[in-house]
């Protein structure tokens, strides 16, 4: 099983308010080293500080998780 993917699913399962961004965005990148999430929703790009969600990766190494999401506004 892909540990990075499992980490991402676990993260969003614990933080329902971020599901809106996950579902609407074409691109999401979570940087567990700086605890930031970057997303792109069409022309809009944003960064969210994840420290408030108390999410800590078990690995001490910096990990970058990128996923493409289908845009549902077709």
PDB file of N, CA and C in Angstrom:
ATOM      1  N   UNK A   1       0.837  -1.187   0.000  1.00  0.00           N
ATOM      2  CA  UNK A   1       0.000   0.000   0.000  1.00  0.00           C
ATOM      3  C   UNK A   1       0.880   1.248   0.000  1.00  0.00           C
ATOM      4  N   UNK A   2       0.438   2.253  -0.728  1.00  0.00           N
ATOM      5  CA  UNK A   2       1.186   3.499  -0.818  1.00  0.00           C
ATOM      6  C   UNK A   2       1.039   4.270   0.487  1.00  0.00           C
ATOM      7  N   UNK A   3       2.132   4.363   1.239  1.00  0.00           N
ATOM      8  CA  UNK A   3       2.085   5.006   2.552  1.00  0.00           C
ATOM      9  C   UNK A   3       1.747   6.491   2.436  1.00  0.00           C
ATOM     10  N   UNK A   4       2.289   7.154   1.408  1.00  0.00           N
ATOM     11  CA  UNK A   4       2.011   8.579   1.227  1.00  0.00           C
ATOM     12  C   UNK A   4       0.531   8.814   0.964  1.00  0.00           C
ATOM     13  N   UNK A   5      -0.062   7.960   0.126  1.00  0.00           N
ATOM     14  CA  UNK A   5      -1.485   8.097  -0.175  1.00  0.00           C
ATOM     15  C   UNK A   5      -2.316   7.828   1.076  1.00  0.00           C
ATOM     16  N   UNK A   6      -1.926   6.840   1.850  1.00  0.00           N
ATOM     17  CA  UNK A   6      -2.635   6.525   3.088  1.00  0.00           C
ATOM     18  C   UNK A   6      -2.546   7.700   4.059  1.00  0.00           C
ATOM     19  N   UNK A   7      -1.385   8.314   4.147  1.00  0.00           N
ATOM     20  CA  UNK A   7      -1.209   9.500   4.977  1.00  0.00           C
ATOM     21  C   UNK A   7      -2.168  10.608   4.570  1.00  0.00           C
ATOM     22  N   UNK A   8      -2.283  10.844   3.268  1.00  0.00           N
ATOM     23  CA  UNK A   8      -3.143  11.906   2.762  1.00  0.00           C
ATOM     24  C   UNK A   8      -4.608  11.619   3.068  1.00  0.00           C
ATOM     25  N   UNK A   9      -5.029  10.377   2.841  1.00  0.00           N
ATOM     26  CA  UNK A   9      -6.417  10.019   3.130  1.00  0.00           C
ATOM     27  C   UNK A   9      -6.716  10.168   4.619  1.00  0.00           C
ATOM     28  N   UNK A  10      -5.775   9.773   5.457  1.00  0.00           N
ATOM     29  CA  UNK A  10      -5.947   9.897   6.902  1.00  0.00           C
ATOM     30  C   UNK A  10      -6.042  11.367   7.300  1.00  0.00           C
ATOM     31  N   UNK A  11      -5.223  12.200   6.662  1.00  0.00           N
ATOM     32  CA  UNK A  11      -5.231  13.627   6.965  1.00  0.00           C
ATOM     33  C   UNK A  11      -6.587  14.245   6.658  1.00  0.00           C
ATOM     34  N   UNK A  12      -7.119  13.977   5.462  1.00  0.00           N
ATOM     35  CA  UNK A  12      -8.395  14.578   5.095  1.00  0.00           C
ATOM     36  C   UNK A  12      -9.551  13.981   5.893  1.00  0.00           C
ATOM     37  N   UNK A  13      -9.431  12.730   6.304  1.00  0.00           N
ATOM     38  CA  UNK A  13     -10.476  12.119   7.117  1.00  0.00           C
ATOM     39  C   UNK A  13     -10.572  12.804   8.475  1.00  0.00           C
ATOM     40  N   UNK A  14      -9.444  13.298   8.976  1.00  0.00           N
ATOM     41  CA  UNK A  14      -9.433  13.956  10.278  1.00  0.00           C
ATOM     42  C   UNK A  14      -9.781  15.435  10.188  1.00  0.00           C
ATOM     43  N   UNK A  15      -9.776  16.004   8.997  1.00  0.00           N
ATOM     44  CA  UNK A  15      -9.975  17.439   8.827  1.00  0.00           C
ATOM     45  C   UNK A  15     -11.025  17.695   7.753  1.00  0.00           C
ATOM     46  N   UNK A  16     -12.297  17.525   8.151  1.00  0.00           N
ATOM     47  CA  UNK A  16     -13.392  17.602   7.187  1.00  0.00           C
ATOM     48  C   UNK A  16     -13.492  18.959   6.503  1.00  0.00           C
ATOM     49  N   UNK A  17     -13.092  20.024   7.193  1.00  0.00           N
ATOM     50  CA  UNK A  17     -13.206  21.352   6.599  1.00  0.00           C
ATOM     51  C   UNK A  17     -12.273  21.540   5.410  1.00  0.00           C
ATOM     52  N   UNK A  18     -11.245  20.710   5.291  1.00  0.00           N
ATOM     53  CA  UNK A  18     -10.340  20.805   4.145  1.00  0.00           C
ATOM     54  C   UNK A  18     -10.858  20.019   2.944  1.00  0.00           C
ATOM     55  N   UNK A  19     -11.912  19.215   3.145  1.00  0.00           N
ATOM     56  CA  UNK A  19     -12.464  18.434   2.041  1.00  0.00           C
ATOM     57  C   UNK A  19     -12.952  19.321   0.907  1.00  0.00           C
ATOM     58  N   UNK A  20     -13.466  20.510   1.244  1.00  0.00           N
ATOM     59  CA  UNK A  20     -13.957  21.418   0.209  1.00  0.00           C
ATOM     60  C   UNK A  20     -12.832  21.783  -0.749  1.00  0.00           C
ATOM     61  N   UNK A  21     -11.675  22.104  -0.187  1.00  0.00           N
ATOM     62  CA  UNK A  21     -10.527  22.449  -1.030  1.00  0.00           C
ATOM     63  C   UNK A  21     -10.067  21.231  -1.818  1.00  0.00           C
ATOM     64  N   UNK A  22     -10.009  20.084  -1.161  1.00  0.00           N
ATOM     65  CA  UNK A  22      -9.560  18.867  -1.844  1.00  0.00           C
ATOM     66  C   UNK A  22     -10.471  18.544  -3.022  1.00  0.00           C
ATOM     67  N   UNK A  23     -11.784  18.662  -2.813  1.00  0.00           N
ATOM     68  CA  UNK A  23     -12.740  18.273  -3.848  1.00  0.00           C
ATOM     69  C   UNK A  23     -12.802  19.275  -4.999  1.00  0.00           C
ATOM     70  N   UNK A  24     -12.506  20.538  -4.734  1.00  0.00           N
ATOM     71  CA  UNK A  24     -12.630  21.559  -5.774  1.00  0.00           C
ATOM     72  C   UNK A  24     -11.341  21.792  -6.543  1.00  0.00           C
ATOM     73  N   UNK A  25     -10.223  21.402  -5.975  1.00  0.00           N
ATOM     74  CA  UNK A  25      -8.940  21.772  -6.573  1.00  0.00           C
ATOM     75  C   UNK A  25      -8.477  20.782  -7.628  1.00  0.00           C
ATOM     76  N   UNK A  26      -7.816  21.323  -8.646  1.00  0.00           N
ATOM     77  CA  UNK A  26      -7.191  20.488  -9.667  1.00  0.00           C
ATOM     78  C   UNK A  26      -5.848  19.966  -9.186  1.00  0.00           C
ATOM     79  N   UNK A  27      -5.242  20.651  -8.230  1.00  0.00           N
ATOM     80  CA  UNK A  27      -3.898  20.293  -7.778  1.00  0.00           C
ATOM     81  C   UNK A  27      -3.783  20.574  -6.288  1.00  0.00           C
ATOM     82  N   UNK A  28      -3.255  19.617  -5.550  1.00  0.00           N
ATOM     83  CA  UNK A  28      -3.015  19.795  -4.117  1.00  0.00           C
ATOM     84  C   UNK A  28      -1.637  19.238  -3.795  1.00  0.00           C
ATOM     85  N   UNK A  29      -0.840  19.985  -3.040  1.00  0.00           N
ATOM     86  CA  UNK A  29       0.452  19.491  -2.578  1.00  0.00           C
ATOM     87  C   UNK A  29       0.556  19.754  -1.085  1.00  0.00           C
ATOM     88  N   UNK A  30       0.842  18.714  -0.323  1.00  0.00           N
ATOM     89  CA  UNK A  30       1.040  18.858   1.109  1.00  0.00           C
ATOM     90  C   UNK A  30       2.521  18.674   1.408  1.00  0.00           C
ATOM     91  N   UNK A  31       3.098  19.658   2.067  1.00  0.00           N
ATOM     92  CA  UNK A  31       4.498  19.599   2.477  1.00  0.00           C
ATOM     93  C   UNK A  31       4.513  19.351   3.980  1.00  0.00           C
ATOM     94  N   UNK A  32       4.844  18.132   4.376  1.00  0.00           N
ATOM     95  CA  UNK A  32       4.832  17.775   5.792  1.00  0.00           C
ATOM     96  C   UNK A  32       6.015  18.360   6.555  1.00  0.00           C
ATOM     97  N   UNK A  33       6.989  18.890   5.840  1.00  0.00           N
ATOM     98  CA  UNK A  33       8.155  19.482   6.505  1.00  0.00           C
ATOM     99  C   UNK A  33       7.838  20.890   7.011  1.00  0.00           C
ATOM    100  N   UNK A  34       7.137  21.667   6.182  1.00  0.00           N
ATOM    101  CA  UNK A  34       6.761  23.025   6.580  1.00  0.00           C
ATOM    102  C   UNK A  34       5.310  23.100   7.036  1.00  0.00           C
ATOM    103  N   UNK A  35       4.603  21.965   6.995  1.00  0.00           N
ATOM    104  CA  UNK A  35       3.190  21.903   7.389  1.00  0.00           C
ATOM    105  C   UNK A  35       2.344  22.902   6.613  1.00  0.00           C
ATOM    106  N   UNK A  36       2.517  22.902   5.303  1.00  0.00           N
ATOM    107  CA  UNK A  36       1.733  23.770   4.439  1.00  0.00           C
ATOM    108  C   UNK A  36       1.026  22.942   3.379  1.00  0.00           C
ATOM    109  N   UNK A  37      -0.122  23.419   2.946  1.00  0.00           N
ATOM    110  CA  UNK A  37      -0.826  22.815   1.829  1.00  0.00           C
ATOM    111  C   UNK A  37      -0.983  23.872   0.753  1.00  0.00           C
ATOM    112  N   UNK A  38      -0.546  23.543  -0.463  1.00  0.00           N
ATOM    113  CA  UNK A  38      -0.711  24.436  -1.593  1.00  0.00           C
ATOM    114  C   UNK A  38      -1.742  23.841  -2.531  1.00  0.00           C
ATOM    115  N   UNK A  39      -2.606  24.695  -3.072  1.00  0.00           N
ATOM    116  CA  UNK A  39      -3.639  24.197  -3.977  1.00  0.00           C
ATOM    117  C   UNK A  39      -3.845  25.172  -5.125  1.00  0.00           C
ATOM    118  N   UNK A  40      -4.400  24.666  -6.224  1.00  0.00           N
ATOM    119  CA  UNK A  40      -4.729  25.482  -7.385  1.00  0.00           C
ATOM    120  C   UNK A  40      -6.145  25.141  -7.811  1.00  0.00           C
ATOM    121  N   UNK A  41      -7.007  26.138  -7.791  1.00  0.00           N
ATOM    122  CA  UNK A  41      -8.397  25.973  -8.217  1.00  0.00           C
ATOM    123  C   UNK A  41      -8.634  26.913  -9.387  1.00  0.00           C
ATOM    124  N   UNK A  42      -8.386  26.421 -10.590  1.00  0.00           N
ATOM    125  CA  UNK A  42      -8.507  27.268 -11.766  1.00  0.00           C
ATOM    126  C   UNK A  42      -7.446  28.355 -11.740  1.00  0.00           C
ATOM    127  N   UNK A  43      -7.887  29.620 -11.754  1.00  0.00           N
ATOM    128  CA  UNK A  43      -6.961  30.750 -11.727  1.00  0.00           C
ATOM    129  C   UNK A  43      -6.498  31.076 -10.313  1.00  0.00           C
ATOM    130  N   UNK A  44      -7.146  30.490  -9.314  1.00  0.00           N
ATOM    131  CA  UNK A  44      -6.847  30.812  -7.923  1.00  0.00           C
ATOM    132  C   UNK A  44      -5.826  29.831  -7.361  1.00  0.00           C
ATOM    133  N   UNK A  45      -4.786  30.364  -6.747  1.00  0.00           N
ATOM    134  CA  UNK A  45      -3.804  29.528  -6.059  1.00  0.00           C
ATOM    135  C   UNK A  45      -3.738  29.978  -4.610  1.00  0.00           C
ATOM    136  N   UNK A  46      -3.577  29.021  -3.707  1.00  0.00           N
ATOM    137  CA  UNK A  46      -3.540  29.384  -2.301  1.00  0.00           C
ATOM    138  C   UNK A  46      -2.638  28.479  -1.498  1.00  0.00           C
ATOM    139  N   UNK A  47      -2.291  28.939  -0.313  1.00  0.00           N
ATOM    140  CA  UNK A  47      -1.482  28.172   0.627  1.00  0.00           C
ATOM    141  C   UNK A  47      -2.154  28.211   1.987  1.00  0.00           C
ATOM    142  N   UNK A  48      -2.199  27.076   2.657  1.00  0.00           N
ATOM    143  CA  UNK A  48      -2.836  26.983   3.965  1.00  0.00           C
ATOM    144  C   UNK A  48      -1.824  26.472   4.978  1.00  0.00           C
ATOM    145  N   UNK A  49      -1.792  27.121   6.129  1.00  0.00           N
ATOM    146  CA  UNK A  49      -0.931  26.676   7.228  1.00  0.00           C
ATOM    147  C   UNK A  49      -1.619  25.517   7.931  1.00  0.00           C
ATOM    148  N   UNK A  50      -0.967  24.352   7.951  1.00  0.00           N
ATOM    149  CA  UNK A  50      -1.581  23.158   8.529  1.00  0.00           C
ATOM    150  C   UNK A  50      -1.265  22.971  10.005  1.00  0.00           C
ATOM    151  N   UNK A  51      -0.469  23.863  10.586  1.00  0.00           N
ATOM    152  CA  UNK A  51      -0.107  23.698  11.995  1.00  0.00           C
ATOM    153  C   UNK A  51      -1.327  23.676  12.906  1.00  0.00           C
ATOM    154  N   UNK A  52      -2.374  24.425  12.542  1.00  0.00           N
ATOM    155  CA  UNK A  52      -3.570  24.475  13.380  1.00  0.00           C
ATOM    156  C   UNK A  52      -4.307  23.138  13.424  1.00  0.00           C
ATOM    157  N   UNK A  53      -4.011  22.249  12.487  1.00  0.00           N
ATOM    158  CA  UNK A  53      -4.701  20.963  12.456  1.00  0.00           C
ATOM    159  C   UNK A  53      -3.946  19.877  13.212  1.00  0.00           C
ATOM    160  N   UNK A  54      -2.806  20.216  13.797  1.00  0.00           N
ATOM    161  CA  UNK A  54      -2.042  19.278  14.625  1.00  0.00           C
ATOM    162  C   UNK A  54      -1.718  17.993  13.888  1.00  0.00           C
ATOM    163  N   UNK A  55      -1.394  18.101  12.613  1.00  0.00           N
ATOM    164  CA  UNK A  55      -1.054  16.905  11.843  1.00  0.00           C
ATOM    165  C   UNK A  55       0.456  16.777  11.767  1.00  0.00           C
ATOM    166  N   UNK A  56       0.986  15.693  12.268  1.00  0.00           N
ATOM    167  CA  UNK A  56       2.423  15.457  12.213  1.00  0.00           C
ATOM    168  C   UNK A  56       2.692  14.148  11.482  1.00  0.00           C
ATOM    169  N   UNK A  57       3.569  14.202  10.511  1.00  0.00           N
ATOM    170  CA  UNK A  57       3.950  13.001   9.783  1.00  0.00           C
ATOM    171  C   UNK A  57       4.840  12.146  10.680  1.00  0.00           C
ATOM    172  N   UNK A  58       4.656  10.847  10.614  1.00  0.00           N
ATOM    173  CA  UNK A  58       5.484   9.944  11.421  1.00  0.00           C
ATOM    174  C   UNK A  58       6.943   9.966  10.968  1.00  0.00           C
ATOM    175  N   UNK A  59       7.151  10.228   9.702  1.00  0.00           N
ATOM    176  CA  UNK A  59       8.511  10.263   9.174  1.00  0.00           C
ATOM    177  C   UNK A  59       9.172  11.594   9.507  1.00  0.00           C
ATOM    178  N   UNK A  60      10.462  11.552   9.813  1.00  0.00           N
ATOM    179  CA  UNK A  60      11.207  12.772  10.087  1.00  0.00           C
ATOM    180  C   UNK A  60      11.675  13.447   8.795  1.00  0.00           C
ATOM    181  N   UNK A  61      11.595  12.715   7.705  1.00  0.00           N
ATOM    182  CA  UNK A  61      12.027  13.272   6.425  1.00  0.00           C
ATOM    183  C   UNK A  61      10.939  14.172   5.852  1.00  0.00           C
ATOM    184  N   UNK A  62      11.371  15.125   5.044  1.00  0.00           N
ATOM    185  CA  UNK A  62      10.409  15.986   4.360  1.00  0.00           C
ATOM    186  C   UNK A  62       9.707  15.163   3.287  1.00  0.00           C
ATOM    187  N   UNK A  63       8.414  15.252   3.251  1.00  0.00           N
ATOM    188  CA  UNK A  63       7.679  14.497   2.239  1.00  0.00           C
ATOM    189  C   UNK A  63       6.727  15.425   1.501  1.00  0.00           C
ATOM    190  N   UNK A  64       6.711  15.269   0.203  1.00  0.00           N
ATOM    191  CA  UNK A  64       5.850  16.068  -0.645  1.00  0.00           C
ATOM    192  C   UNK A  64       4.838  15.132  -1.296  1.00  0.00           C
ATOM    193  N   UNK A  65       3.569  15.433  -1.136  1.00  0.00           N
ATOM    194  CA  UNK A  65       2.509  14.587  -1.675  1.00  0.00           C
ATOM    195  C   UNK A  65       1.736  15.407  -2.698  1.00  0.00           C
ATOM    196  N   UNK A  66       1.696  14.916  -3.921  1.00  0.00           N
ATOM    197  CA  UNK A  66       0.966  15.620  -4.963  1.00  0.00           C
ATOM    198  C   UNK A  66      -0.105  14.704  -5.530  1.00  0.00           C
ATOM    199  N   UNK A  67      -1.292  15.248  -5.690  1.00  0.00           N
ATOM    200  CA  UNK A  67      -2.377  14.468  -6.272  1.00  0.00           C
ATOM    201  C   UNK A  67      -3.153  15.357  -7.228  1.00  0.00           C
ATOM    202  N   UNK A  68      -3.639  14.781  -8.300  1.00  0.00           N
ATOM    203  CA  UNK A  68      -4.504  15.496  -9.230  1.00  0.00           C
ATOM    204  C   UNK A  68      -5.948  15.129  -8.909  1.00  0.00           C
ATOM    205  N   UNK A  69      -6.808  16.123  -8.896  1.00  0.00           N
ATOM    206  CA  UNK A  69      -8.222  15.874  -8.643  1.00  0.00           C
ATOM    207  C   UNK A  69      -9.023  16.294  -9.866  1.00  0.00           C
ATOM    208  N   UNK A  70     -10.042  15.524 -10.172  1.00  0.00           N
ATOM    209  CA  UNK A  70     -10.895  15.861 -11.303  1.00  0.00           C
ATOM    210  C   UNK A  70     -11.757  17.062 -10.935  1.00  0.00           C
ATOM    211  N   UNK A  71     -11.831  18.002 -11.851  1.00  0.00           N
ATOM    212  CA  UNK A  71     -12.646  19.190 -11.631  1.00  0.00           C
ATOM    213  C   UNK A  71     -14.101  18.841 -11.920  1.00  0.00           C
ATOM    214  N   UNK A  72     -14.979  19.038 -10.939  1.00  0.00           N
ATOM    215  CA  UNK A  72     -16.377  18.627 -11.083  1.00  0.00           C
ATOM    216  C   UNK A  72     -17.264  19.735 -11.637  1.00  0.00           C
ATOM    217  N   UNK A  73     -16.657  20.841 -12.072  1.00  0.00           N
ATOM    218  CA  UNK A  73     -17.468  21.959 -12.562  1.00  0.00           C
ATOM    219  C   UNK A  73     -17.638  21.917 -14.073  1.00  0.00           C
ATOM    220  N   UNK A  74     -17.660  20.744 -14.649  1.00  0.00           N
ATOM    221  CA  UNK A  74     -17.777  20.628 -16.103  1.00  0.00           C
ATOM    222  C   UNK A  74     -19.211  20.824 -16.537  1.00  0.00           C
TER     223      UNK A  74
END
